[in-house]
């Protein structure tokens, strides 16, 4: 059986290991930062710095943490910028929808007005047609009466009709 493996203070114990030593909150925080920063292969010796590591290793780690924080801020700024642009687009779309709805309402009102006027004009035209038909019928009756009266009152002799 092999002895216990060497564990660094920032590493979490595996599920198989019993918690033999209690890590401080500083060590836990350091482990979280190191996980966030990523692999530390380029820091001296290929491993993560310990409390006894050289200042150069710690400087490299600090630089990586700064770089990661800067990158996180840039990503957050870009996300906020995109969110603002999306919000602006949504506001414009909402305004366009409101304007379109207003134009539709105005067009529908105008269409209803035009339809109402057209119906009134058709009704008036229909009444005028009926009145004209009635006048034409009355005029035809009168013409028939006049013709009948003239024909009955003035009997023309057949010789006169031919010469006329």
C-alpha atoms as a PDB file:
ATOM      1  CA  UNK A   1       0.000   0.000   0.000  1.00  0.00           C
ATOM      2  CA  UNK A   2       1.307   3.418  -0.859  1.00  0.00           C
ATOM      3  CA  UNK A   3       1.432   6.305   1.535  1.00  0.00           C
ATOM      4  CA  UNK A   4      -0.934   9.253   1.359  1.00  0.00           C
ATOM      5  CA  UNK A   5      -0.438  11.376  -1.754  1.00  0.00           C
ATOM      6  CA  UNK A   6       0.886  14.874  -1.345  1.00  0.00           C
ATOM      7  CA  UNK A   7      -1.905  17.431  -1.524  1.00  0.00           C
ATOM      8  CA  UNK A   8      -1.562  21.166  -1.969  1.00  0.00           C
ATOM      9  CA  UNK A   9      -3.602  23.460   0.275  1.00  0.00           C
ATOM     10  CA  UNK A  10      -5.658  24.828  -2.620  1.00  0.00           C
ATOM     11  CA  UNK A  11      -6.689  21.374  -3.844  1.00  0.00           C
ATOM     12  CA  UNK A  12      -9.971  19.939  -2.720  1.00  0.00           C
ATOM     13  CA  UNK A  13      -9.869  16.462  -1.173  1.00  0.00           C
ATOM     14  CA  UNK A  14     -11.065  13.694  -3.435  1.00  0.00           C
ATOM     15  CA  UNK A  15     -14.226  11.801  -2.598  1.00  0.00           C
ATOM     16  CA  UNK A  16     -12.134   8.814  -1.537  1.00  0.00           C
ATOM     17  CA  UNK A  17      -9.997  10.769   0.888  1.00  0.00           C
ATOM     18  CA  UNK A  18     -11.188  11.377   4.380  1.00  0.00           C
ATOM     19  CA  UNK A  19     -10.843  14.972   5.486  1.00  0.00           C
ATOM     20  CA  UNK A  20      -7.593  14.587   7.382  1.00  0.00           C
ATOM     21  CA  UNK A  21      -6.710  18.235   7.630  1.00  0.00           C
ATOM     22  CA  UNK A  22      -9.008  21.241   7.619  1.00  0.00           C
ATOM     23  CA  UNK A  23      -8.176  23.874   5.023  1.00  0.00           C
ATOM     24  CA  UNK A  24      -8.506  27.502   5.916  1.00  0.00           C
ATOM     25  CA  UNK A  25     -10.855  29.854   4.125  1.00  0.00           C
ATOM     26  CA  UNK A  26      -7.826  31.545   2.516  1.00  0.00           C
ATOM     27  CA  UNK A  27      -6.737  28.242   1.007  1.00  0.00           C
ATOM     28  CA  UNK A  28     -10.245  27.535  -0.238  1.00  0.00           C
ATOM     29  CA  UNK A  29     -10.433  30.988  -1.797  1.00  0.00           C
ATOM     30  CA  UNK A  30      -7.043  30.447  -3.415  1.00  0.00           C
ATOM     31  CA  UNK A  31      -8.242  27.150  -4.883  1.00  0.00           C
ATOM     32  CA  UNK A  32     -11.288  28.898  -6.391  1.00  0.00           C
ATOM     33  CA  UNK A  33      -9.104  31.593  -7.924  1.00  0.00           C
ATOM     34  CA  UNK A  34      -6.710  29.024  -9.330  1.00  0.00           C
ATOM     35  CA  UNK A  35      -9.552  27.065 -10.902  1.00  0.00           C
ATOM     36  CA  UNK A  36     -10.818  30.269 -12.486  1.00  0.00           C
ATOM     37  CA  UNK A  37      -7.415  31.257 -13.833  1.00  0.00           C
ATOM     38  CA  UNK A  38      -6.921  27.933 -15.593  1.00  0.00           C
ATOM     39  CA  UNK A  39      -3.924  25.626 -16.077  1.00  0.00           C
ATOM     40  CA  UNK A  40      -0.730  26.797 -14.533  1.00  0.00           C
ATOM     41  CA  UNK A  41       1.730  24.880 -16.714  1.00  0.00           C
ATOM     42  CA  UNK A  42       3.705  27.988 -17.626  1.00  0.00           C
ATOM     43  CA  UNK A  43       4.369  28.939 -13.990  1.00  0.00           C
ATOM     44  CA  UNK A  44       7.723  27.697 -12.695  1.00  0.00           C
ATOM     45  CA  UNK A  45       8.029  23.939 -12.436  1.00  0.00           C
ATOM     46  CA  UNK A  46       4.651  23.204 -14.026  1.00  0.00           C
ATOM     47  CA  UNK A  47       2.759  23.193 -10.733  1.00  0.00           C
ATOM     48  CA  UNK A  48       0.736  25.763  -8.906  1.00  0.00           C
ATOM     49  CA  UNK A  49       2.651  28.087  -6.578  1.00  0.00           C
ATOM     50  CA  UNK A  50       2.678  27.301  -2.916  1.00  0.00           C
ATOM     51  CA  UNK A  51       3.348  29.569   0.014  1.00  0.00           C
ATOM     52  CA  UNK A  52       7.019  28.723  -0.452  1.00  0.00           C
ATOM     53  CA  UNK A  53       7.099  29.417  -4.220  1.00  0.00           C
ATOM     54  CA  UNK A  54       9.346  32.068  -5.674  1.00  0.00           C
ATOM     55  CA  UNK A  55       8.112  35.648  -6.086  1.00  0.00           C
ATOM     56  CA  UNK A  56       8.416  35.202  -9.837  1.00  0.00           C
ATOM     57  CA  UNK A  57       5.858  32.337  -9.750  1.00  0.00           C
ATOM     58  CA  UNK A  58       3.499  34.459  -7.703  1.00  0.00           C
ATOM     59  CA  UNK A  59       4.010  37.392 -10.082  1.00  0.00           C
ATOM     60  CA  UNK A  60       3.073  35.190 -13.020  1.00  0.00           C
ATOM     61  CA  UNK A  61      -0.006  33.971 -11.151  1.00  0.00           C
ATOM     62  CA  UNK A  62      -1.036  37.516 -10.241  1.00  0.00           C
ATOM     63  CA  UNK A  63      -0.598  38.561 -13.880  1.00  0.00           C
ATOM     64  CA  UNK A  64      -2.817  35.685 -15.007  1.00  0.00           C
ATOM     65  CA  UNK A  65      -5.435  36.602 -12.403  1.00  0.00           C
ATOM     66  CA  UNK A  66      -5.343  40.212 -13.621  1.00  0.00           C
ATOM     67  CA  UNK A  67      -5.645  39.050 -17.205  1.00  0.00           C
ATOM     68  CA  UNK A  68      -8.606  36.799 -16.328  1.00  0.00           C
ATOM     69  CA  UNK A  69     -10.310  39.608 -14.396  1.00  0.00           C
ATOM     70  CA  UNK A  70      -9.716  42.043 -17.254  1.00  0.00           C
ATOM     71  CA  UNK A  71     -11.117  39.545 -19.728  1.00  0.00           C
ATOM     72  CA  UNK A  72     -14.148  38.961 -17.491  1.00  0.00           C
ATOM     73  CA  UNK A  73     -14.758  42.736 -17.332  1.00  0.00           C
ATOM     74  CA  UNK A  74     -14.472  43.014 -21.114  1.00  0.00           C
ATOM     75  CA  UNK A  75     -16.924  40.161 -21.620  1.00  0.00           C
ATOM     76  CA  UNK A  76     -19.323  41.728 -19.109  1.00  0.00           C
ATOM     77  CA  UNK A  77     -19.042  45.114 -20.844  1.00  0.00           C
ATOM     78  CA  UNK A  78     -19.711  43.490 -24.217  1.00  0.00           C
ATOM     79  CA  UNK A  79     -22.693  41.627 -22.778  1.00  0.00           C
ATOM     80  CA  UNK A  80     -24.113  44.849 -21.343  1.00  0.00           C
ATOM     81  CA  UNK A  81     -23.510  46.640 -24.637  1.00  0.00           C
ATOM     82  CA  UNK A  82     -25.289  43.878 -26.543  1.00  0.00           C
ATOM     83  CA  UNK A  83     -28.122  43.913 -24.031  1.00  0.00           C
ATOM     84  CA  UNK A  84     -28.508  47.674 -24.547  1.00  0.00           C
ATOM     85  CA  UNK A  85     -28.525  47.209 -28.322  1.00  0.00           C
ATOM     86  CA  UNK A  86     -31.120  44.444 -28.050  1.00  0.00           C
ATOM     87  CA  UNK A  87     -33.213  46.650 -25.770  1.00  0.00           C
ATOM     88  CA  UNK A  88     -32.965  49.512 -28.287  1.00  0.00           C
ATOM     89  CA  UNK A  89     -34.022  47.200 -31.106  1.00  0.00           C
ATOM     90  CA  UNK A  90     -36.931  45.919 -29.026  1.00  0.00           C
ATOM     91  CA  UNK A  91     -37.977  49.482 -28.221  1.00  0.00           C
ATOM     92  CA  UNK A  92     -37.866  50.376 -31.919  1.00  0.00           C
ATOM     93  CA  UNK A  93     -39.847  47.254 -32.805  1.00  0.00           C
ATOM     94  CA  UNK A  94     -42.452  48.077 -30.143  1.00  0.00           C
ATOM     95  CA  UNK A  95     -42.717  51.630 -31.474  1.00  0.00           C
ATOM     96  CA  UNK A  96     -43.008  50.320 -35.044  1.00  0.00           C
ATOM     97  CA  UNK A  97     -45.749  47.919 -33.949  1.00  0.00           C
ATOM     98  CA  UNK A  98     -47.591  50.771 -32.186  1.00  0.00           C
ATOM     99  CA  UNK A  99     -47.256  52.966 -35.285  1.00  0.00           C
ATOM    100  CA  UNK A 100     -48.415  50.150 -37.540  1.00  0.00           C
ATOM    101  CA  UNK A 101     -51.389  49.462 -35.273  1.00  0.00           C
ATOM    102  CA  UNK A 102     -52.296  53.162 -35.364  1.00  0.00           C
ATOM    103  CA  UNK A 103     -52.003  53.209 -39.170  1.00  0.00           C
ATOM    104  CA  UNK A 104     -54.208  50.118 -39.362  1.00  0.00           C
ATOM    105  CA  UNK A 105     -56.766  51.750 -37.066  1.00  0.00           C
ATOM    106  CA  UNK A 106     -56.783  54.922 -39.195  1.00  0.00           C
ATOM    107  CA  UNK A 107     -57.039  52.889 -42.405  1.00  0.00           C
ATOM    108  CA  UNK A 108     -59.901  50.825 -40.997  1.00  0.00           C
ATOM    109  CA  UNK A 109     -61.739  53.989 -39.927  1.00  0.00           C
ATOM    110  CA  UNK A 110     -61.193  55.513 -43.361  1.00  0.00           C
ATOM    111  CA  UNK A 111     -62.339  52.304 -45.034  1.00  0.00           C
ATOM    112  CA  UNK A 112     -65.486  52.260 -42.896  1.00  0.00           C
ATOM    113  CA  UNK A 113     -66.144  55.923 -43.784  1.00  0.00           C
ATOM    114  CA  UNK A 114     -65.614  55.249 -47.493  1.00  0.00           C
ATOM    115  CA  UNK A 115     -67.853  52.176 -47.309  1.00  0.00           C
ATOM    116  CA  UNK A 116     -70.540  54.199 -45.552  1.00  0.00           C
ATOM    117  CA  UNK A 117     -70.352  56.952 -48.191  1.00  0.00           C
ATOM    118  CA  UNK A 118     -70.398  54.381 -50.990  1.00  0.00           C
ATOM    119  CA  UNK A 119     -73.455  52.699 -49.478  1.00  0.00           C
ATOM    120  CA  UNK A 120     -75.198  56.075 -49.180  1.00  0.00           C
ATOM    121  CA  UNK A 121     -74.289  56.956 -52.776  1.00  0.00           C
ATOM    122  CA  UNK A 122     -75.530  53.570 -54.020  1.00  0.00           C
ATOM    123  CA  UNK A 123     -78.783  54.006 -52.128  1.00  0.00           C
ATOM    124  CA  UNK A 124     -79.238  57.513 -53.566  1.00  0.00           C
ATOM    125  CA  UNK A 125     -78.398  56.273 -57.065  1.00  0.00           C
ATOM    126  CA  UNK A 126     -80.869  53.405 -56.652  1.00  0.00           C
ATOM    127  CA  UNK A 127     -83.578  55.853 -55.557  1.00  0.00           C
ATOM    128  CA  UNK A 128     -82.790  58.091 -58.536  1.00  0.00           C
ATOM    129  CA  UNK A 129     -82.980  55.100 -60.902  1.00  0.00           C
ATOM    130  CA  UNK A 130     -86.340  54.088 -59.438  1.00  0.00           C
ATOM    131  CA  UNK A 131     -87.603  57.671 -59.706  1.00  0.00           C
ATOM    132  CA  UNK A 132     -86.368  57.903 -63.308  1.00  0.00           C
ATOM    133  CA  UNK A 133     -88.006  54.570 -64.146  1.00  0.00           C
ATOM    134  CA  UNK A 134     -91.258  55.799 -62.577  1.00  0.00           C
ATOM    135  CA  UNK A 135     -91.094  59.077 -64.562  1.00  0.00           C
ATOM    136  CA  UNK A 136     -90.352  57.115 -67.745  1.00  0.00           C
ATOM    137  CA  UNK A 137     -93.320  54.823 -67.048  1.00  0.00           C
ATOM    138  CA  UNK A 138     -95.597  57.827 -66.449  1.00  0.00           C
ATOM    139  CA  UNK A 139     -94.264  59.539 -69.571  1.00  0.00           C
ATOM    140  CA  UNK A 140     -94.922  56.401 -71.617  1.00  0.00           C
ATOM    141  CA  UNK A 141     -98.474  56.255 -70.226  1.00  0.00           C
ATOM    142  CA  UNK A 142     -99.043  59.883 -71.174  1.00  0.00           C
ATOM    143  CA  UNK A 143     -97.581  59.375 -74.621  1.00  0.00           C
ATOM    144  CA  UNK A 144     -99.821  56.369 -75.087  1.00  0.00           C
ATOM    145  CA  UNK A 145    -102.849  58.417 -73.976  1.00  0.00           C
ATOM    146  CA  UNK A 146    -101.904  61.319 -76.261  1.00  0.00           C
ATOM    147  CA  UNK A 147    -101.413  58.945 -79.167  1.00  0.00           C
ATOM    148  CA  UNK A 148    -104.706  57.191 -78.430  1.00  0.00           C
ATOM    149  CA  UNK A 149    -106.510  60.550 -78.111  1.00  0.00           C
ATOM    150  CA  UNK A 150    -105.049  61.860 -81.345  1.00  0.00           C
ATOM    151  CA  UNK A 151    -105.829  58.628 -83.137  1.00  0.00           C
ATOM    152  CA  UNK A 152    -109.382  58.532 -81.847  1.00  0.00           C
ATOM    153  CA  UNK A 153    -110.135  62.225 -82.400  1.00  0.00           C
ATOM    154  CA  UNK A 154    -108.560  62.611 -85.796  1.00  0.00           C
ATOM    155  CA  UNK A 155    -109.461  59.900 -88.086  1.00  0.00           C
ATOM    156  CA  UNK A 156    -107.545  60.299 -91.198  1.00  0.00           C
ATOM    157  CA  UNK A 157    -108.790  59.119 -94.485  1.00  0.00           C
ATOM    158  CA  UNK A 158    -106.708  56.482 -96.163  1.00  0.00           C
ATOM    159  CA  UNK A 159    -105.830  58.754 -99.141  1.00  0.00           C
ATOM    160  CA  UNK A 160    -104.562  61.523 -96.904  1.00  0.00           C
ATOM    161  CA  UNK A 161    -102.357  59.165 -94.977  1.00  0.00           C
ATOM    162  CA  UNK A 162    -100.575  58.040 -98.085  1.00  0.00           C
ATOM    163  CA  UNK A 163     -99.736  61.504 -99.271  1.00  0.00           C
ATOM    164  CA  UNK A 164     -98.664  62.758 -96.006  1.00  0.00           C
END
